PDB file of N, CA and C in Angstrom:
ATOM      1  N   UNK A   1      27.323  26.558 -16.975  1.00  0.00           N
ATOM      2  CA  UNK A   1      27.366  25.318 -16.200  1.00  0.00           C
ATOM      3  C   UNK A   1      28.467  24.414 -16.758  1.00  0.00           C
ATOM      4  N   UNK A   2      29.190  23.819 -15.863  1.00  0.00           N
ATOM      5  CA  UNK A   2      30.231  22.913 -16.335  1.00  0.00           C
ATOM      6  C   UNK A   2      29.708  21.475 -16.346  1.00  0.00           C
ATOM      7  N   UNK A   3      30.542  20.598 -16.818  1.00  0.00           N
ATOM      8  CA  UNK A   3      30.150  19.193 -16.979  1.00  0.00           C
ATOM      9  C   UNK A   3      29.830  18.551 -15.632  1.00  0.00           C
ATOM     10  N   UNK A   4      30.573  18.896 -14.607  1.00  0.00           N
ATOM     11  CA  UNK A   4      30.344  18.300 -13.285  1.00  0.00           C
ATOM     12  C   UNK A   4      28.972  18.702 -12.732  1.00  0.00           C
ATOM     13  N   UNK A   5      28.585  19.958 -12.889  1.00  0.00           N
ATOM     14  CA  UNK A   5      27.267  20.409 -12.426  1.00  0.00           C
ATOM     15  C   UNK A   5      26.154  19.710 -13.194  1.00  0.00           C
ATOM     16  N   UNK A   6      26.339  19.599 -14.515  1.00  0.00           N
ATOM     17  CA  UNK A   6      25.336  18.911 -15.336  1.00  0.00           C
ATOM     18  C   UNK A   6      25.216  17.446 -14.935  1.00  0.00           C
ATOM     19  N   UNK A   7      26.336  16.818 -14.640  1.00  0.00           N
ATOM     20  CA  UNK A   7      26.330  15.416 -14.227  1.00  0.00           C
ATOM     21  C   UNK A   7      25.581  15.248 -12.905  1.00  0.00           C
ATOM     22  N   UNK A   8      25.810  16.159 -11.963  1.00  0.00           N
ATOM     23  CA  UNK A   8      25.121  16.085 -10.674  1.00  0.00           C
ATOM     24  C   UNK A   8      23.619  16.297 -10.852  1.00  0.00           C
ATOM     25  N   UNK A   9      23.243  17.229 -11.710  1.00  0.00           N
ATOM     26  CA  UNK A   9      21.814  17.462 -11.964  1.00  0.00           C
ATOM     27  C   UNK A   9      21.167  16.236 -12.602  1.00  0.00           C
ATOM     28  N   UNK A  10      21.884  15.613 -13.525  1.00  0.00           N
ATOM     29  CA  UNK A  10      21.359  14.417 -14.182  1.00  0.00           C
ATOM     30  C   UNK A  10      21.160  13.295 -13.168  1.00  0.00           C
ATOM     31  N   UNK A  11      22.125  13.095 -12.280  1.00  0.00           N
ATOM     32  CA  UNK A  11      21.984  12.065 -11.246  1.00  0.00           C
ATOM     33  C   UNK A  11      20.786  12.356 -10.346  1.00  0.00           C
ATOM     34  N   UNK A  12      20.597  13.615  -9.996  1.00  0.00           N
ATOM     35  CA  UNK A  12      19.466  14.014  -9.160  1.00  0.00           C
ATOM     36  C   UNK A  12      18.142  13.722  -9.870  1.00  0.00           C
ATOM     37  N   UNK A  13      18.074  14.048 -11.149  1.00  0.00           N
ATOM     38  CA  UNK A  13      16.853  13.775 -11.920  1.00  0.00           C
ATOM     39  C   UNK A  13      16.591  12.278 -12.037  1.00  0.00           C
ATOM     40  N   UNK A  14      17.646  11.493 -12.251  1.00  0.00           N
ATOM     41  CA  UNK A  14      17.479  10.039 -12.341  1.00  0.00           C
ATOM     42  C   UNK A  14      16.922   9.481 -11.032  1.00  0.00           C
ATOM     43  N   UNK A  15      17.409   9.999  -9.913  1.00  0.00           N
ATOM     44  CA  UNK A  15      16.919   9.560  -8.597  1.00  0.00           C
ATOM     45  C   UNK A  15      15.436   9.897  -8.441  1.00  0.00           C
ATOM     46  N   UNK A  16      15.058  11.110  -8.862  1.00  0.00           N
ATOM     47  CA  UNK A  16      13.656  11.514  -8.762  1.00  0.00           C
ATOM     48  C   UNK A  16      12.769  10.663  -9.660  1.00  0.00           C
ATOM     49  N   UNK A  17      13.247  10.307 -10.843  1.00  0.00           N
ATOM     50  CA  UNK A  17      12.475   9.451 -11.752  1.00  0.00           C
ATOM     51  C   UNK A  17      12.249   8.088 -11.113  1.00  0.00           C
ATOM     52  N   UNK A  18      13.271   7.535 -10.472  1.00  0.00           N
ATOM     53  CA  UNK A  18      13.117   6.242  -9.798  1.00  0.00           C
ATOM     54  C   UNK A  18      12.089   6.329  -8.676  1.00  0.00           C
ATOM     55  N   UNK A  19      12.088   7.434  -7.933  1.00  0.00           N
ATOM     56  CA  UNK A  19      11.103   7.613  -6.864  1.00  0.00           C
ATOM     57  C   UNK A  19       9.693   7.665  -7.438  1.00  0.00           C
ATOM     58  N   UNK A  20       9.506   8.377  -8.538  1.00  0.00           N
ATOM     59  CA  UNK A  20       8.187   8.490  -9.161  1.00  0.00           C
ATOM     60  C   UNK A  20       7.737   7.135  -9.687  1.00  0.00           C
ATOM     61  N   UNK A  21       8.653   6.378 -10.305  1.00  0.00           N
ATOM     62  CA  UNK A  21       8.300   5.048 -10.811  1.00  0.00           C
ATOM     63  C   UNK A  21       7.866   4.135  -9.669  1.00  0.00           C
ATOM     64  N   UNK A  22       8.558   4.202  -8.547  1.00  0.00           N
ATOM     65  CA  UNK A  22       8.203   3.381  -7.389  1.00  0.00           C
ATOM     66  C   UNK A  22       6.816   3.742  -6.874  1.00  0.00           C
ATOM     67  N   UNK A  23       6.533   5.029  -6.775  1.00  0.00           N
ATOM     68  CA  UNK A  23       5.218   5.468  -6.307  1.00  0.00           C
ATOM     69  C   UNK A  23       4.129   5.076  -7.297  1.00  0.00           C
ATOM     70  N   UNK A  24       4.411   5.171  -8.597  1.00  0.00           N
ATOM     71  CA  UNK A  24       3.424   4.794  -9.612  1.00  0.00           C
ATOM     72  C   UNK A  24       3.115   3.304  -9.529  1.00  0.00           C
ATOM     73  N   UNK A  25       4.135   2.481  -9.310  1.00  0.00           N
ATOM     74  CA  UNK A  25       3.909   1.041  -9.169  1.00  0.00           C
ATOM     75  C   UNK A  25       3.027   0.743  -7.965  1.00  0.00           C
ATOM     76  N   UNK A  26       3.236   1.457  -6.882  1.00  0.00           N
ATOM     77  CA  UNK A  26       2.433   1.244  -5.674  1.00  0.00           C
ATOM     78  C   UNK A  26       0.980   1.635  -5.895  1.00  0.00           C
ATOM     79  N   UNK A  27       0.738   2.605  -6.756  1.00  0.00           N
ATOM     80  CA  UNK A  27      -0.625   3.079  -6.994  1.00  0.00           C
ATOM     81  C   UNK A  27      -1.379   2.258  -8.040  1.00  0.00           C
ATOM     82  N   UNK A  28      -0.703   1.335  -8.711  1.00  0.00           N
ATOM     83  CA  UNK A  28      -1.362   0.564  -9.778  1.00  0.00           C
ATOM     84  C   UNK A  28      -2.470  -0.335  -9.256  1.00  0.00           C
ATOM     85  N   UNK A  29      -2.334  -0.835  -8.033  1.00  0.00           N
ATOM     86  CA  UNK A  29      -3.374  -1.708  -7.488  1.00  0.00           C
ATOM     87  C   UNK A  29      -4.530  -0.834  -7.023  1.00  0.00           C
ATOM     88  N   UNK A  30      -5.618  -0.875  -7.782  1.00  0.00           N
ATOM     89  CA  UNK A  30      -6.766  -0.021  -7.468  1.00  0.00           C
ATOM     90  C   UNK A  30      -7.964  -0.835  -7.011  1.00  0.00           C
ATOM     91  N   UNK A  31      -7.805  -2.130  -6.905  1.00  0.00           N
ATOM     92  CA  UNK A  31      -8.936  -2.943  -6.471  1.00  0.00           C
ATOM     93  C   UNK A  31      -8.522  -3.790  -5.267  1.00  0.00           C
ATOM     94  N   UNK A  32      -9.509  -4.177  -4.505  1.00  0.00           N
ATOM     95  CA  UNK A  32      -9.283  -5.022  -3.337  1.00  0.00           C
ATOM     96  C   UNK A  32      -9.843  -6.396  -3.664  1.00  0.00           C
ATOM     97  N   UNK A  33      -9.050  -7.423  -3.379  1.00  0.00           N
ATOM     98  CA  UNK A  33      -9.459  -8.788  -3.690  1.00  0.00           C
ATOM     99  C   UNK A  33      -9.408  -9.647  -2.432  1.00  0.00           C
ATOM    100  N   UNK A  34     -10.058 -10.793  -2.508  1.00  0.00           N
ATOM    101  CA  UNK A  34     -10.038 -11.749  -1.405  1.00  0.00           C
ATOM    102  C   UNK A  34      -8.589 -12.114  -1.095  1.00  0.00           C
ATOM    103  N   UNK A  35      -8.260 -12.119   0.184  1.00  0.00           N
ATOM    104  CA  UNK A  35      -6.904 -12.447   0.604  1.00  0.00           C
ATOM    105  C   UNK A  35      -6.009 -11.237   0.805  1.00  0.00           C
ATOM    106  N   UNK A  36      -6.452 -10.065   0.347  1.00  0.00           N
ATOM    107  CA  UNK A  36      -5.678  -8.841   0.549  1.00  0.00           C
ATOM    108  C   UNK A  36      -5.732  -8.419   2.009  1.00  0.00           C
ATOM    109  N   UNK A  37      -4.737  -7.666   2.422  1.00  0.00           N
ATOM    110  CA  UNK A  37      -4.706  -7.100   3.765  1.00  0.00           C
ATOM    111  C   UNK A  37      -5.088  -5.628   3.642  1.00  0.00           C
ATOM    112  N   UNK A  38      -6.041  -5.180   4.449  1.00  0.00           N
ATOM    113  CA  UNK A  38      -6.470  -3.780   4.424  1.00  0.00           C
ATOM    114  C   UNK A  38      -6.319  -3.184   5.818  1.00  0.00           C
ATOM    115  N   UNK A  39      -6.065  -1.883   5.843  1.00  0.00           N
ATOM    116  CA  UNK A  39      -5.960  -1.168   7.113  1.00  0.00           C
ATOM    117  C   UNK A  39      -7.216  -0.337   7.281  1.00  0.00           C
ATOM    118  N   UNK A  40      -7.860  -0.469   8.425  1.00  0.00           N
ATOM    119  CA  UNK A  40      -9.071   0.289   8.727  1.00  0.00           C
ATOM    120  C   UNK A  40      -8.740   1.236   9.877  1.00  0.00           C
ATOM    121  N   UNK A  41      -9.073   2.515   9.678  1.00  0.00           N
ATOM    122  CA  UNK A  41      -8.780   3.538  10.683  1.00  0.00           C
ATOM    123  C   UNK A  41     -10.092   4.039  11.264  1.00  0.00           C
ATOM    124  N   UNK A  42     -10.154   4.073  12.574  1.00  0.00           N
ATOM    125  CA  UNK A  42     -11.302   4.622  13.295  1.00  0.00           C
ATOM    126  C   UNK A  42     -10.844   5.915  13.973  1.00  0.00           C
ATOM    127  N   UNK A  43     -10.862   7.046  13.237  1.00  0.00           N
ATOM    128  CA  UNK A  43     -10.295   8.281  13.797  1.00  0.00           C
ATOM    129  C   UNK A  43     -11.006   8.773  15.050  1.00  0.00           C
ATOM    130  N   UNK A  44     -12.300   8.558  15.148  1.00  0.00           N
ATOM    131  CA  UNK A  44     -13.030   9.021  16.330  1.00  0.00           C
ATOM    132  C   UNK A  44     -12.655   8.234  17.582  1.00  0.00           C
ATOM    133  N   UNK A  45     -12.136   7.017  17.395  1.00  0.00           N
ATOM    134  CA  UNK A  45     -11.691   6.207  18.530  1.00  0.00           C
ATOM    135  C   UNK A  45     -10.178   6.281  18.728  1.00  0.00           C
ATOM    136  N   UNK A  46      -9.495   6.798  17.707  1.00  0.00           N
ATOM    137  CA  UNK A  46      -8.040   6.897  17.780  1.00  0.00           C
ATOM    138  C   UNK A  46      -7.332   5.570  17.631  1.00  0.00           C
ATOM    139  N   UNK A  47      -7.963   4.618  16.916  1.00  0.00           N
ATOM    140  CA  UNK A  47      -7.332   3.310  16.719  1.00  0.00           C
ATOM    141  C   UNK A  47      -7.375   2.933  15.243  1.00  0.00           C
ATOM    142  N   UNK A  48      -6.558   1.955  14.909  1.00  0.00           N
ATOM    143  CA  UNK A  48      -6.577   1.388  13.564  1.00  0.00           C
ATOM    144  C   UNK A  48      -6.253  -0.093  13.670  1.00  0.00           C
ATOM    145  N   UNK A  49      -6.647  -0.849  12.661  1.00  0.00           N
ATOM    146  CA  UNK A  49      -6.391  -2.279  12.675  1.00  0.00           C
ATOM    147  C   UNK A  49      -6.194  -2.814  11.280  1.00  0.00           C
ATOM    148  N   UNK A  50      -5.459  -3.914  11.181  1.00  0.00           N
ATOM    149  CA  UNK A  50      -5.260  -4.562   9.891  1.00  0.00           C
ATOM    150  C   UNK A  50      -6.144  -5.797   9.829  1.00  0.00           C
ATOM    151  N   UNK A  51      -6.793  -5.951   8.700  1.00  0.00           N
ATOM    152  CA  UNK A  51      -7.732  -7.046   8.505  1.00  0.00           C
ATOM    153  C   UNK A  51      -7.441  -7.755   7.195  1.00  0.00           C
ATOM    154  N   UNK A  52      -7.794  -9.034   7.144  1.00  0.00           N
ATOM    155  CA  UNK A  52      -7.722  -9.797   5.904  1.00  0.00           C
ATOM    156  C   UNK A  52      -9.109  -9.827   5.283  1.00  0.00           C
ATOM    157  N   UNK A  53      -9.170  -9.658   3.964  1.00  0.00           N
ATOM    158  CA  UNK A  53     -10.444  -9.713   3.254  1.00  0.00           C
ATOM    159  C   UNK A  53     -10.791 -11.185   3.069  1.00  0.00           C
ATOM    160  N   UNK A  54     -11.845 -11.615   3.751  1.00  0.00           N
ATOM    161  CA  UNK A  54     -12.258 -13.020   3.694  1.00  0.00           C
ATOM    162  C   UNK A  54     -13.185 -13.268   2.516  1.00  0.00           C
ATOM    163  N   UNK A  55     -14.071 -12.307   2.234  1.00  0.00           N
ATOM    164  CA  UNK A  55     -15.080 -12.513   1.199  1.00  0.00           C
ATOM    165  C   UNK A  55     -15.561 -11.157   0.702  1.00  0.00           C
ATOM    166  N   UNK A  56     -15.866 -11.078  -0.598  1.00  0.00           N
ATOM    167  CA  UNK A  56     -16.481  -9.879  -1.167  1.00  0.00           C
ATOM    168  C   UNK A  56     -17.729 -10.327  -1.912  1.00  0.00           C
ATOM    169  N   UNK A  57     -18.875  -9.763  -1.536  1.00  0.00           N
ATOM    170  CA  UNK A  57     -20.142 -10.133  -2.156  1.00  0.00           C
ATOM    171  C   UNK A  57     -20.928  -8.865  -2.461  1.00  0.00           C
ATOM    172  N   UNK A  58     -21.126  -8.588  -3.742  1.00  0.00           N
ATOM    173  CA  UNK A  58     -21.854  -7.387  -4.180  1.00  0.00           C
ATOM    174  C   UNK A  58     -21.302  -6.109  -3.543  1.00  0.00           C
ATOM    175  N   UNK A  59     -19.986  -5.999  -3.502  1.00  0.00           N
ATOM    176  CA  UNK A  59     -19.352  -4.794  -2.974  1.00  0.00           C
ATOM    177  C   UNK A  59     -19.238  -4.736  -1.470  1.00  0.00           C
ATOM    178  N   UNK A  60     -19.727  -5.755  -0.773  1.00  0.00           N
ATOM    179  CA  UNK A  60     -19.631  -5.788   0.691  1.00  0.00           C
ATOM    180  C   UNK A  60     -18.478  -6.714   1.069  1.00  0.00           C
ATOM    181  N   UNK A  61     -17.544  -6.188   1.850  1.00  0.00           N
ATOM    182  CA  UNK A  61     -16.381  -6.981   2.248  1.00  0.00           C
ATOM    183  C   UNK A  61     -16.589  -7.579   3.629  1.00  0.00           C
ATOM    184  N   UNK A  62     -16.234  -8.848   3.744  1.00  0.00           N
ATOM    185  CA  UNK A  62     -16.211  -9.493   5.053  1.00  0.00           C
ATOM    186  C   UNK A  62     -14.757  -9.518   5.497  1.00  0.00           C
ATOM    187  N   UNK A  63     -14.475  -8.828   6.594  1.00  0.00           N
ATOM    188  CA  UNK A  63     -13.111  -8.706   7.085  1.00  0.00           C
ATOM    189  C   UNK A  63     -12.914  -9.552   8.326  1.00  0.00           C
ATOM    190  N   UNK A  64     -11.705 -10.097   8.452  1.00  0.00           N
ATOM    191  CA  UNK A  64     -11.354 -10.886   9.625  1.00  0.00           C
ATOM    192  C   UNK A  64     -10.068 -10.296  10.189  1.00  0.00           C
ATOM    193  N   UNK A  65     -10.066 -10.043  11.488  1.00  0.00           N
ATOM    194  CA  UNK A  65      -8.856  -9.524  12.129  1.00  0.00           C
ATOM    195  C   UNK A  65      -7.724 -10.524  11.941  1.00  0.00           C
ATOM    196  N   UNK A  66      -6.545 -10.016  11.719  1.00  0.00           N
ATOM    197  CA  UNK A  66      -5.401 -10.880  11.444  1.00  0.00           C
ATOM    198  C   UNK A  66      -5.132 -11.854  12.593  1.00  0.00           C
ATOM    199  N   UNK A  67      -5.288 -11.401  13.826  1.00  0.00           N
ATOM    200  CA  UNK A  67      -5.057 -12.279  14.974  1.00  0.00           C
ATOM    201  C   UNK A  67      -6.074 -13.420  14.998  1.00  0.00           C
ATOM    202  N   UNK A  68      -7.328 -13.100  14.664  1.00  0.00           N
ATOM    203  CA  UNK A  68      -8.383 -14.113  14.620  1.00  0.00           C
ATOM    204  C   UNK A  68      -8.072 -15.149  13.549  1.00  0.00           C
ATOM    205  N   UNK A  69      -7.595 -14.682  12.398  1.00  0.00           N
ATOM    206  CA  UNK A  69      -7.278 -15.588  11.298  1.00  0.00           C
ATOM    207  C   UNK A  69      -6.155 -16.539  11.715  1.00  0.00           C
ATOM    208  N   UNK A  70      -5.163 -16.047  12.443  1.00  0.00           N
ATOM    209  CA  UNK A  70      -4.068 -16.903  12.899  1.00  0.00           C
ATOM    210  C   UNK A  70      -4.589 -17.987  13.837  1.00  0.00           C
ATOM    211  N   UNK A  71      -5.513 -17.634  14.744  1.00  0.00           N
ATOM    212  CA  UNK A  71      -6.075 -18.607  15.681  1.00  0.00           C
ATOM    213  C   UNK A  71      -6.890 -19.660  14.950  1.00  0.00           C
ATOM    214  N   UNK A  72      -7.639 -19.242  13.911  1.00  0.00           N
ATOM    215  CA  UNK A  72      -8.450 -20.188  13.145  1.00  0.00           C
ATOM    216  C   UNK A  72      -7.553 -21.192  12.435  1.00  0.00           C
ATOM    217  N   UNK A  73      -6.416 -20.726  11.903  1.00  0.00           N
ATOM    218  CA  UNK A  73      -5.520 -21.596  11.147  1.00  0.00           C
ATOM    219  C   UNK A  73      -4.762 -22.569  12.042  1.00  0.00           C
ATOM    220  N   UNK A  74      -4.640 -22.263  13.323  1.00  0.00           N
ATOM    221  CA  UNK A  74      -3.878 -23.137  14.241  1.00  0.00           C
ATOM    222  C   UNK A  74      -4.621 -24.365  14.642  1.00  0.00           C
TER     223      UNK A  74
END
């Protein structure tokens, strides 16, 4: 292998490391808190929706549809 091939391989590895670091950062958030946005999927209905977490009490989340929250704030 010549220097140019090694340099290209090193650049490729550096790119892959950056991708892994980005994915690891995204996975660090393992808890849901009040004010977070969550996506709920209803596969049997073929729909999904985004909701804001309004309240969490003993592991039960109270969700509010984002559109509803906008109307309440207006």
